[in-house]
Amino acid sequence: MSAPGLLALTKLVVARDLRLAVRHWDQVAQPLIFFLIVTTLFPLAISPALDDLRKIAPGIVWVAAMLASLLALDSLFRPDVEDGTMEQWTLSGQPLSVMLFAKTMTHWLLSGLPLVIISPVVGTALGLPSSVWAVLALSLALGTGSLSLLGAVGAALTVAVRRGSVLLALLVLPLEMPVLIFGARAVDLAMQGESVLGPLNLLAAMLLLFASLGPIAMAAAMRISVEG
C-alpha cells in the first residue's frame, strides 16, 4: 500500500477511536484521575515539607505515570476483539500493524498526553521548581510513548485471555523498568542542575526502537490471539 493510503488508513483508525472515546469518556478519564490522586496523596502520607518531597518527586511522578498507563491497557484491544472488529481487520487485507499502531497512537493521545500536560501542576504539588517542568514534560512525553507501545504488545498477547489484566501487568512491568529509571533520572539530574541529555537521548532511542518493532510484534501477537 502506498504512503498516502497508509496515512489515510491511520487517520480513519484514529478518528474512529477518538469518537469511541468521547462516548466512553469516563474510561478515558480514569488514568488521569489515578495519576492525580496518587501524586497528590504522597505529600499527605509522607511529609508536606518541600525539601523532603523534592528528593522523591521524580520517582513518585514516574511510578504514578507507569501505573496510570497500565490502567488503560486492558481495554485497548479487548472491545474490538469481543465485537468481531479485530477479526475483520485481520481478514481485510489492510496492514494490521499500521492499524494497531494507529490505535496505540490514540491510546497515547488519550492517556499519555494528558499526563504530560498536567505534569507542571503535579510538579508544583511535589515541590519541583519551575526550571524542571520542561524536562519533566519532555521525559514524560518520550517515556509514556514507550509505555504505550510496550503495553500494546502485551495487550495483544493477552487479549484472548479471560481476566488477563494481571498477566498483562506481569508481562509489561518488567519491560518498562528502563523507561522508569531513565525518566526519573532525567528529572533528578535537572533538579541538580546537571546535563539531562544522556537520559533523554536514551528515552528517545527506546521510543524509536519500540515504534519500529512494536507494530510488527503487535500484529503477530494479535493474529495468534484472534486465530487461536
C-alpha atoms as a PDB file:
ATOM      1  CA  MET A   1       0.000   0.000   0.000  1.00  0.00           C
ATOM      2  CA  SER A   2       1.280   3.485  -0.855  1.00  0.00           C
ATOM      3  CA  ALA A   3       2.230   6.054   1.768  1.00  0.00           C
ATOM      4  CA  PRO A   4      -0.883   8.210   1.181  1.00  0.00           C
ATOM      5  CA  GLY A   5      -3.005   5.094   1.585  1.00  0.00           C
ATOM      6  CA  LEU A   6      -1.293   4.244   4.879  1.00  0.00           C
ATOM      7  CA  LEU A   7      -1.785   7.797   6.103  1.00  0.00           C
ATOM      8  CA  ALA A   8      -5.480   7.722   5.230  1.00  0.00           C
ATOM      9  CA  LEU A   9      -5.880   4.365   6.970  1.00  0.00           C
ATOM     10  CA  THR A  10      -4.159   5.737  10.080  1.00  0.00           C
ATOM     11  CA  LYS A  11      -6.437   8.775  10.117  1.00  0.00           C
ATOM     12  CA  LEU A  12      -9.528   6.580   9.845  1.00  0.00           C
ATOM     13  CA  VAL A  13      -8.500   4.396  12.781  1.00  0.00           C
ATOM     14  CA  VAL A  14      -7.528   7.375  14.947  1.00  0.00           C
ATOM     15  CA  ALA A  15     -10.775   9.219  14.142  1.00  0.00           C
ATOM     16  CA  ARG A  16     -12.828   6.095  14.925  1.00  0.00           C
ATOM     17  CA  ASP A  17     -11.138   5.549  18.283  1.00  0.00           C
ATOM     18  CA  LEU A  18     -11.473   9.216  19.228  1.00  0.00           C
ATOM     19  CA  ARG A  19     -15.212   9.072  18.536  1.00  0.00           C
ATOM     20  CA  LEU A  20     -15.496   5.961  20.695  1.00  0.00           C
ATOM     21  CA  ALA A  21     -13.503   7.671  23.441  1.00  0.00           C
ATOM     22  CA  VAL A  22     -15.970  10.553  23.513  1.00  0.00           C
ATOM     23  CA  ARG A  23     -18.773   8.065  24.140  1.00  0.00           C
ATOM     24  CA  HIS A  24     -16.831   6.393  26.951  1.00  0.00           C
ATOM     25  CA  TRP A  25     -15.177   9.468  28.431  1.00  0.00           C
ATOM     26  CA  ASP A  26     -15.295   8.026  31.955  1.00  0.00           C
ATOM     27  CA  GLN A  27     -12.901   5.237  30.967  1.00  0.00           C
ATOM     28  CA  VAL A  28     -10.612   7.770  29.284  1.00  0.00           C
ATOM     29  CA  ALA A  29     -10.506   9.933  32.420  1.00  0.00           C
ATOM     30  CA  GLN A  30      -9.537   7.072  34.748  1.00  0.00           C
ATOM     31  CA  PRO A  31      -5.748   7.143  34.097  1.00  0.00           C
ATOM     32  CA  LEU A  32      -5.572  10.914  34.565  1.00  0.00           C
ATOM     33  CA  ILE A  33      -7.618  10.800  37.770  1.00  0.00           C
ATOM     34  CA  PHE A  34      -5.482   7.928  39.064  1.00  0.00           C
ATOM     35  CA  PHE A  35      -2.296   9.873  38.258  1.00  0.00           C
ATOM     36  CA  LEU A  36      -3.540  12.955  40.106  1.00  0.00           C
ATOM     37  CA  ILE A  37      -4.737  11.001  43.133  1.00  0.00           C
ATOM     38  CA  VAL A  38      -1.500   9.042  43.559  1.00  0.00           C
ATOM     39  CA  THR A  39       0.788  12.057  43.193  1.00  0.00           C
ATOM     40  CA  THR A  40      -1.262  14.288  45.486  1.00  0.00           C
ATOM     41  CA  LEU A  41      -1.620  11.677  48.234  1.00  0.00           C
ATOM     42  CA  PHE A  42       2.133  11.333  48.740  1.00  0.00           C
ATOM     43  CA  PRO A  43       2.527  14.761  50.418  1.00  0.00           C
ATOM     44  CA  LEU A  44      -0.230  13.778  52.839  1.00  0.00           C
ATOM     45  CA  ALA A  45       1.220  10.336  53.569  1.00  0.00           C
ATOM     46  CA  ILE A  46       4.903  11.277  53.863  1.00  0.00           C
ATOM     47  CA  SER A  47       5.527  14.921  54.688  1.00  0.00           C
ATOM     48  CA  PRO A  48       4.331  18.295  53.430  1.00  0.00           C
ATOM     49  CA  ALA A  49       7.882  19.648  53.691  1.00  0.00           C
ATOM     50  CA  LEU A  50       9.016  20.570  50.179  1.00  0.00           C
ATOM     51  CA  ASP A  51      12.641  19.594  50.819  1.00  0.00           C
ATOM     52  CA  ASP A  52      11.593  16.054  51.669  1.00  0.00           C
ATOM     53  CA  LEU A  53       9.210  15.795  48.711  1.00  0.00           C
ATOM     54  CA  ARG A  54      11.749  17.037  46.174  1.00  0.00           C
ATOM     55  CA  LYS A  55      14.057  14.115  46.942  1.00  0.00           C
ATOM     56  CA  ILE A  56      11.488  11.523  45.905  1.00  0.00           C
ATOM     57  CA  ALA A  57       9.353  13.570  43.496  1.00  0.00           C
ATOM     58  CA  PRO A  58      10.881  12.130  40.256  1.00  0.00           C
ATOM     59  CA  GLY A  59      10.200   8.579  41.389  1.00  0.00           C
ATOM     60  CA  ILE A  60       6.670   9.421  42.528  1.00  0.00           C
ATOM     61  CA  VAL A  61       5.745  11.035  39.212  1.00  0.00           C
ATOM     62  CA  TRP A  62       7.172   8.248  37.109  1.00  0.00           C
ATOM     63  CA  VAL A  63       5.735   5.355  39.103  1.00  0.00           C
ATOM     64  CA  ALA A  64       2.320   7.025  39.000  1.00  0.00           C
ATOM     65  CA  ALA A  65       2.644   7.606  35.241  1.00  0.00           C
ATOM     66  CA  MET A  66       3.640   3.986  34.617  1.00  0.00           C
ATOM     67  CA  LEU A  67       0.721   2.621  36.637  1.00  0.00           C
ATOM     68  CA  ALA A  68      -1.727   5.082  35.057  1.00  0.00           C
ATOM     69  CA  SER A  69      -0.635   3.957  31.597  1.00  0.00           C
ATOM     70  CA  LEU A  70      -1.096   0.327  32.600  1.00  0.00           C
ATOM     71  CA  LEU A  71      -4.601   1.066  33.848  1.00  0.00           C
ATOM     72  CA  ALA A  72      -5.920   1.760  30.339  1.00  0.00           C
ATOM     73  CA  LEU A  73      -4.165  -1.088  28.533  1.00  0.00           C
ATOM     74  CA  ASP A  74      -6.595  -3.922  29.161  1.00  0.00           C
ATOM     75  CA  SER A  75      -9.314  -2.129  27.189  1.00  0.00           C
ATOM     76  CA  LEU A  76      -7.010  -1.155  24.314  1.00  0.00           C
ATOM     77  CA  PHE A  77      -7.830  -4.099  22.031  1.00  0.00           C
ATOM     78  CA  ARG A  78     -10.330  -6.185  24.005  1.00  0.00           C
ATOM     79  CA  PRO A  79     -13.558  -4.414  22.898  1.00  0.00           C
ATOM     80  CA  ASP A  80     -12.574  -4.786  19.232  1.00  0.00           C
ATOM     81  CA  VAL A  81     -11.817  -8.471  19.712  1.00  0.00           C
ATOM     82  CA  GLU A  82     -15.075  -9.137  21.541  1.00  0.00           C
ATOM     83  CA  ASP A  83     -17.300  -7.430  18.948  1.00  0.00           C
ATOM     84  CA  GLY A  84     -15.524  -9.032  15.977  1.00  0.00           C
ATOM     85  CA  THR A  85     -13.898  -5.851  14.646  1.00  0.00           C
ATOM     86  CA  MET A  86     -10.382  -7.186  15.097  1.00  0.00           C
ATOM     87  CA  GLU A  87     -11.195 -10.367  13.186  1.00  0.00           C
ATOM     88  CA  GLN A  88     -12.479  -8.261  10.297  1.00  0.00           C
ATOM     89  CA  TRP A  89      -9.271  -6.227  10.393  1.00  0.00           C
ATOM     90  CA  THR A  90      -7.114  -9.336  10.176  1.00  0.00           C
ATOM     91  CA  LEU A  91      -9.110 -10.547   7.151  1.00  0.00           C
ATOM     92  CA  SER A  92      -9.395  -7.159   5.424  1.00  0.00           C
ATOM     93  CA  GLY A  93      -6.085  -7.325   3.582  1.00  0.00           C
ATOM     94  CA  GLN A  94      -5.046  -3.985   5.104  1.00  0.00           C
ATOM     95  CA  PRO A  95      -1.745  -3.863   7.025  1.00  0.00           C
ATOM     96  CA  LEU A  96      -2.732  -4.898  10.540  1.00  0.00           C
ATOM     97  CA  SER A  97       0.450  -3.444  12.013  1.00  0.00           C
ATOM     98  CA  VAL A  98      -0.485   0.037  10.773  1.00  0.00           C
ATOM     99  CA  MET A  99      -3.988  -0.163  12.225  1.00  0.00           C
ATOM    100  CA  LEU A 100      -2.750  -1.408  15.587  1.00  0.00           C
ATOM    101  CA  PHE A 101      -0.085   1.293  15.637  1.00  0.00           C
ATOM    102  CA  ALA A 102      -2.787   3.881  14.977  1.00  0.00           C
ATOM    103  CA  LYS A 103      -4.809   2.528  17.901  1.00  0.00           C
ATOM    104  CA  THR A 104      -1.718   2.755  20.098  1.00  0.00           C
ATOM    105  CA  MET A 105      -1.158   6.355  18.988  1.00  0.00           C
ATOM    106  CA  THR A 106      -4.726   7.133  20.031  1.00  0.00           C
ATOM    107  CA  HIS A 107      -4.125   5.399  23.354  1.00  0.00           C
ATOM    108  CA  TRP A 108      -1.180   7.727  23.961  1.00  0.00           C
ATOM    109  CA  LEU A 109      -3.196  10.789  22.941  1.00  0.00           C
ATOM    110  CA  LEU A 110      -5.882   9.860  25.460  1.00  0.00           C
ATOM    111  CA  SER A 111      -3.768   8.533  28.336  1.00  0.00           C
ATOM    112  CA  GLY A 112      -0.193   9.766  27.888  1.00  0.00           C
ATOM    113  CA  LEU A 113      -0.618  13.292  26.553  1.00  0.00           C
ATOM    114  CA  PRO A 114      -2.911  14.402  29.421  1.00  0.00           C
ATOM    115  CA  LEU A 115      -0.209  13.305  31.882  1.00  0.00           C
ATOM    116  CA  VAL A 116       2.326  15.434  30.020  1.00  0.00           C
ATOM    117  CA  ILE A 117       0.020  18.453  30.061  1.00  0.00           C
ATOM    118  CA  ILE A 118      -0.814  18.132  33.757  1.00  0.00           C
ATOM    119  CA  SER A 119       2.783  17.411  34.842  1.00  0.00           C
ATOM    120  CA  PRO A 120       3.628  21.042  35.824  1.00  0.00           C
ATOM    121  CA  VAL A 121       0.684  21.041  38.233  1.00  0.00           C
ATOM    122  CA  VAL A 122       1.816  17.749  39.742  1.00  0.00           C
ATOM    123  CA  GLY A 123       5.398  19.012  39.886  1.00  0.00           C
ATOM    124  CA  THR A 124       4.265  22.060  41.804  1.00  0.00           C
ATOM    125  CA  ALA A 125       2.415  19.896  44.333  1.00  0.00           C
ATOM    126  CA  LEU A 126       5.599  17.871  44.874  1.00  0.00           C
ATOM    127  CA  GLY A 127       7.848  20.905  45.205  1.00  0.00           C
ATOM    128  CA  LEU A 128       9.616  20.682  41.863  1.00  0.00           C
ATOM    129  CA  PRO A 129      10.985  24.071  40.741  1.00  0.00           C
ATOM    130  CA  SER A 130       9.648  25.618  37.553  1.00  0.00           C
ATOM    131  CA  SER A 131      13.058  25.159  35.893  1.00  0.00           C
ATOM    132  CA  VAL A 132      12.452  21.389  35.923  1.00  0.00           C
ATOM    133  CA  TRP A 133       8.989  21.439  34.365  1.00  0.00           C
ATOM    134  CA  ALA A 134      10.213  21.350  30.752  1.00  0.00           C
ATOM    135  CA  VAL A 135      12.429  18.322  31.414  1.00  0.00           C
ATOM    136  CA  LEU A 136       9.625  16.618  33.319  1.00  0.00           C
ATOM    137  CA  ALA A 137       7.165  17.155  30.474  1.00  0.00           C
ATOM    138  CA  LEU A 138       9.654  16.079  27.780  1.00  0.00           C
ATOM    139  CA  SER A 139      10.702  12.946  29.654  1.00  0.00           C
ATOM    140  CA  LEU A 140       7.051  12.015  30.201  1.00  0.00           C
ATOM    141  CA  ALA A 141       6.263  12.628  26.520  1.00  0.00           C
ATOM    142  CA  LEU A 142       9.052  10.291  25.415  1.00  0.00           C
ATOM    143  CA  GLY A 143       8.531   7.769  28.191  1.00  0.00           C
ATOM    144  CA  THR A 144       4.753   7.449  28.023  1.00  0.00           C
ATOM    145  CA  GLY A 145       5.060   6.842  24.275  1.00  0.00           C
ATOM    146  CA  SER A 146       7.328   3.882  25.011  1.00  0.00           C
ATOM    147  CA  LEU A 147       4.981   2.699  27.760  1.00  0.00           C
ATOM    148  CA  SER A 148       2.038   2.737  25.346  1.00  0.00           C
ATOM    149  CA  LEU A 149       3.934   0.772  22.702  1.00  0.00           C
ATOM    150  CA  LEU A 150       5.228  -1.835  25.145  1.00  0.00           C
ATOM    151  CA  GLY A 151       1.825  -2.104  26.753  1.00  0.00           C
ATOM    152  CA  ALA A 152       0.138  -2.559  23.379  1.00  0.00           C
ATOM    153  CA  VAL A 153       2.334  -5.578  22.622  1.00  0.00           C
ATOM    154  CA  GLY A 154       1.413  -7.075  25.994  1.00  0.00           C
ATOM    155  CA  ALA A 155      -2.263  -6.272  25.446  1.00  0.00           C
ATOM    156  CA  ALA A 156      -2.196  -8.022  22.072  1.00  0.00           C
ATOM    157  CA  LEU A 157      -0.622 -11.111  23.655  1.00  0.00           C
ATOM    158  CA  THR A 158      -3.177 -11.342  26.477  1.00  0.00           C
ATOM    159  CA  VAL A 159      -6.318 -10.113  24.712  1.00  0.00           C
ATOM    160  CA  ALA A 160      -7.690 -13.624  24.323  1.00  0.00           C
ATOM    161  CA  VAL A 161      -7.103 -14.488  27.988  1.00  0.00           C
ATOM    162  CA  ARG A 162     -10.108 -14.018  30.230  1.00  0.00           C
ATOM    163  CA  ARG A 163      -9.242 -11.631  33.072  1.00  0.00           C
ATOM    164  CA  GLY A 164      -5.803 -11.163  31.605  1.00  0.00           C
ATOM    165  CA  SER A 165      -5.096  -7.844  33.323  1.00  0.00           C
ATOM    166  CA  VAL A 166      -2.888  -9.495  35.960  1.00  0.00           C
ATOM    167  CA  LEU A 167      -0.954 -11.409  33.314  1.00  0.00           C
ATOM    168  CA  LEU A 168      -0.630  -8.201  31.306  1.00  0.00           C
ATOM    169  CA  ALA A 169       0.894  -6.408  34.295  1.00  0.00           C
ATOM    170  CA  LEU A 170       3.342  -9.268  34.899  1.00  0.00           C
ATOM    171  CA  LEU A 171       4.439  -9.184  31.251  1.00  0.00           C
ATOM    172  CA  VAL A 172       4.715  -5.439  30.816  1.00  0.00           C
ATOM    173  CA  LEU A 173       6.006  -4.038  34.099  1.00  0.00           C
ATOM    174  CA  PRO A 174       9.481  -5.675  33.973  1.00  0.00           C
ATOM    175  CA  LEU A 175       9.971  -4.414  30.400  1.00  0.00           C
ATOM    176  CA  GLU A 176       9.025  -0.889  31.436  1.00  0.00           C
ATOM    177  CA  MET A 177      11.690  -0.642  34.149  1.00  0.00           C
ATOM    178  CA  PRO A 178      14.342   1.002  31.895  1.00  0.00           C
ATOM    179  CA  VAL A 179      11.841   3.705  30.903  1.00  0.00           C
ATOM    180  CA  LEU A 180      11.062   4.332  34.564  1.00  0.00           C
ATOM    181  CA  ILE A 181      14.741   4.505  35.524  1.00  0.00           C
ATOM    182  CA  PHE A 182      15.854   6.874  32.758  1.00  0.00           C
ATOM    183  CA  GLY A 183      12.745   9.063  33.062  1.00  0.00           C
ATOM    184  CA  ALA A 184      13.194   9.581  36.787  1.00  0.00           C
ATOM    185  CA  ARG A 185      16.937  10.060  36.310  1.00  0.00           C
ATOM    186  CA  ALA A 186      16.393  12.857  33.795  1.00  0.00           C
ATOM    187  CA  VAL A 187      14.196  14.777  36.245  1.00  0.00           C
ATOM    188  CA  ASP A 188      16.639  14.160  39.087  1.00  0.00           C
ATOM    189  CA  LEU A 189      19.565  15.499  37.033  1.00  0.00           C
ATOM    190  CA  ALA A 190      17.542  18.570  36.074  1.00  0.00           C
ATOM    191  CA  MET A 191      16.910  19.272  39.753  1.00  0.00           C
ATOM    192  CA  GLN A 192      20.640  19.086  40.420  1.00  0.00           C
ATOM    193  CA  GLY A 193      21.415  21.438  37.526  1.00  0.00           C
ATOM    194  CA  GLU A 194      23.321  18.783  35.564  1.00  0.00           C
ATOM    195  CA  SER A 195      23.034  17.762  31.912  1.00  0.00           C
ATOM    196  CA  VAL A 196      19.949  15.708  31.097  1.00  0.00           C
ATOM    197  CA  LEU A 197      20.941  14.799  27.538  1.00  0.00           C
ATOM    198  CA  GLY A 198      22.019  11.258  28.428  1.00  0.00           C
ATOM    199  CA  PRO A 199      18.716  10.000  29.884  1.00  0.00           C
ATOM    200  CA  LEU A 200      16.620  11.935  27.364  1.00  0.00           C
ATOM    201  CA  ASN A 201      18.626  10.532  24.436  1.00  0.00           C
ATOM    202  CA  LEU A 202      18.149   7.025  25.795  1.00  0.00           C
ATOM    203  CA  LEU A 203      14.398   7.606  26.188  1.00  0.00           C
ATOM    204  CA  ALA A 204      14.223   8.881  22.590  1.00  0.00           C
ATOM    205  CA  ALA A 205      16.221   5.892  21.334  1.00  0.00           C
ATOM    206  CA  MET A 206      13.918   3.453  23.131  1.00  0.00           C
ATOM    207  CA  LEU A 207      10.869   5.209  21.704  1.00  0.00           C
ATOM    208  CA  LEU A 208      12.243   4.915  18.157  1.00  0.00           C
ATOM    209  CA  LEU A 209      13.111   1.243  18.714  1.00  0.00           C
ATOM    210  CA  PHE A 210       9.668   0.397  20.087  1.00  0.00           C
ATOM    211  CA  ALA A 211       7.926   2.399  17.362  1.00  0.00           C
ATOM    212  CA  SER A 212       9.882   0.443  14.722  1.00  0.00           C
ATOM    213  CA  LEU A 213       9.457  -3.064  16.111  1.00  0.00           C
ATOM    214  CA  GLY A 214       6.317  -2.690  18.228  1.00  0.00           C
ATOM    215  CA  PRO A 215       3.720  -2.670  15.417  1.00  0.00           C
ATOM    216  CA  ILE A 216       5.205  -5.840  13.918  1.00  0.00           C
ATOM    217  CA  ALA A 217       5.091  -7.591  17.288  1.00  0.00           C
ATOM    218  CA  MET A 218       1.532  -6.348  17.905  1.00  0.00           C
ATOM    219  CA  ALA A 219       0.299  -7.680  14.574  1.00  0.00           C
ATOM    220  CA  ALA A 220       1.935 -11.084  15.076  1.00  0.00           C
ATOM    221  CA  ALA A 221       0.551 -11.390  18.628  1.00  0.00           C
ATOM    222  CA  MET A 222      -2.910 -10.264  17.558  1.00  0.00           C
ATOM    223  CA  ARG A 223      -3.092 -12.814  14.738  1.00  0.00           C
ATOM    224  CA  ILE A 224      -2.169 -15.546  17.194  1.00  0.00           C
ATOM    225  CA  SER A 225      -4.771 -14.347  19.696  1.00  0.00           C
ATOM    226  CA  VAL A 226      -7.566 -13.954  17.145  1.00  0.00           C
ATOM    227  CA  GLU A 227      -6.910 -17.087  15.122  1.00  0.00           C
ATOM    228  CA  GLY A 228      -6.243 -19.162  18.220  1.00  0.00           C
END
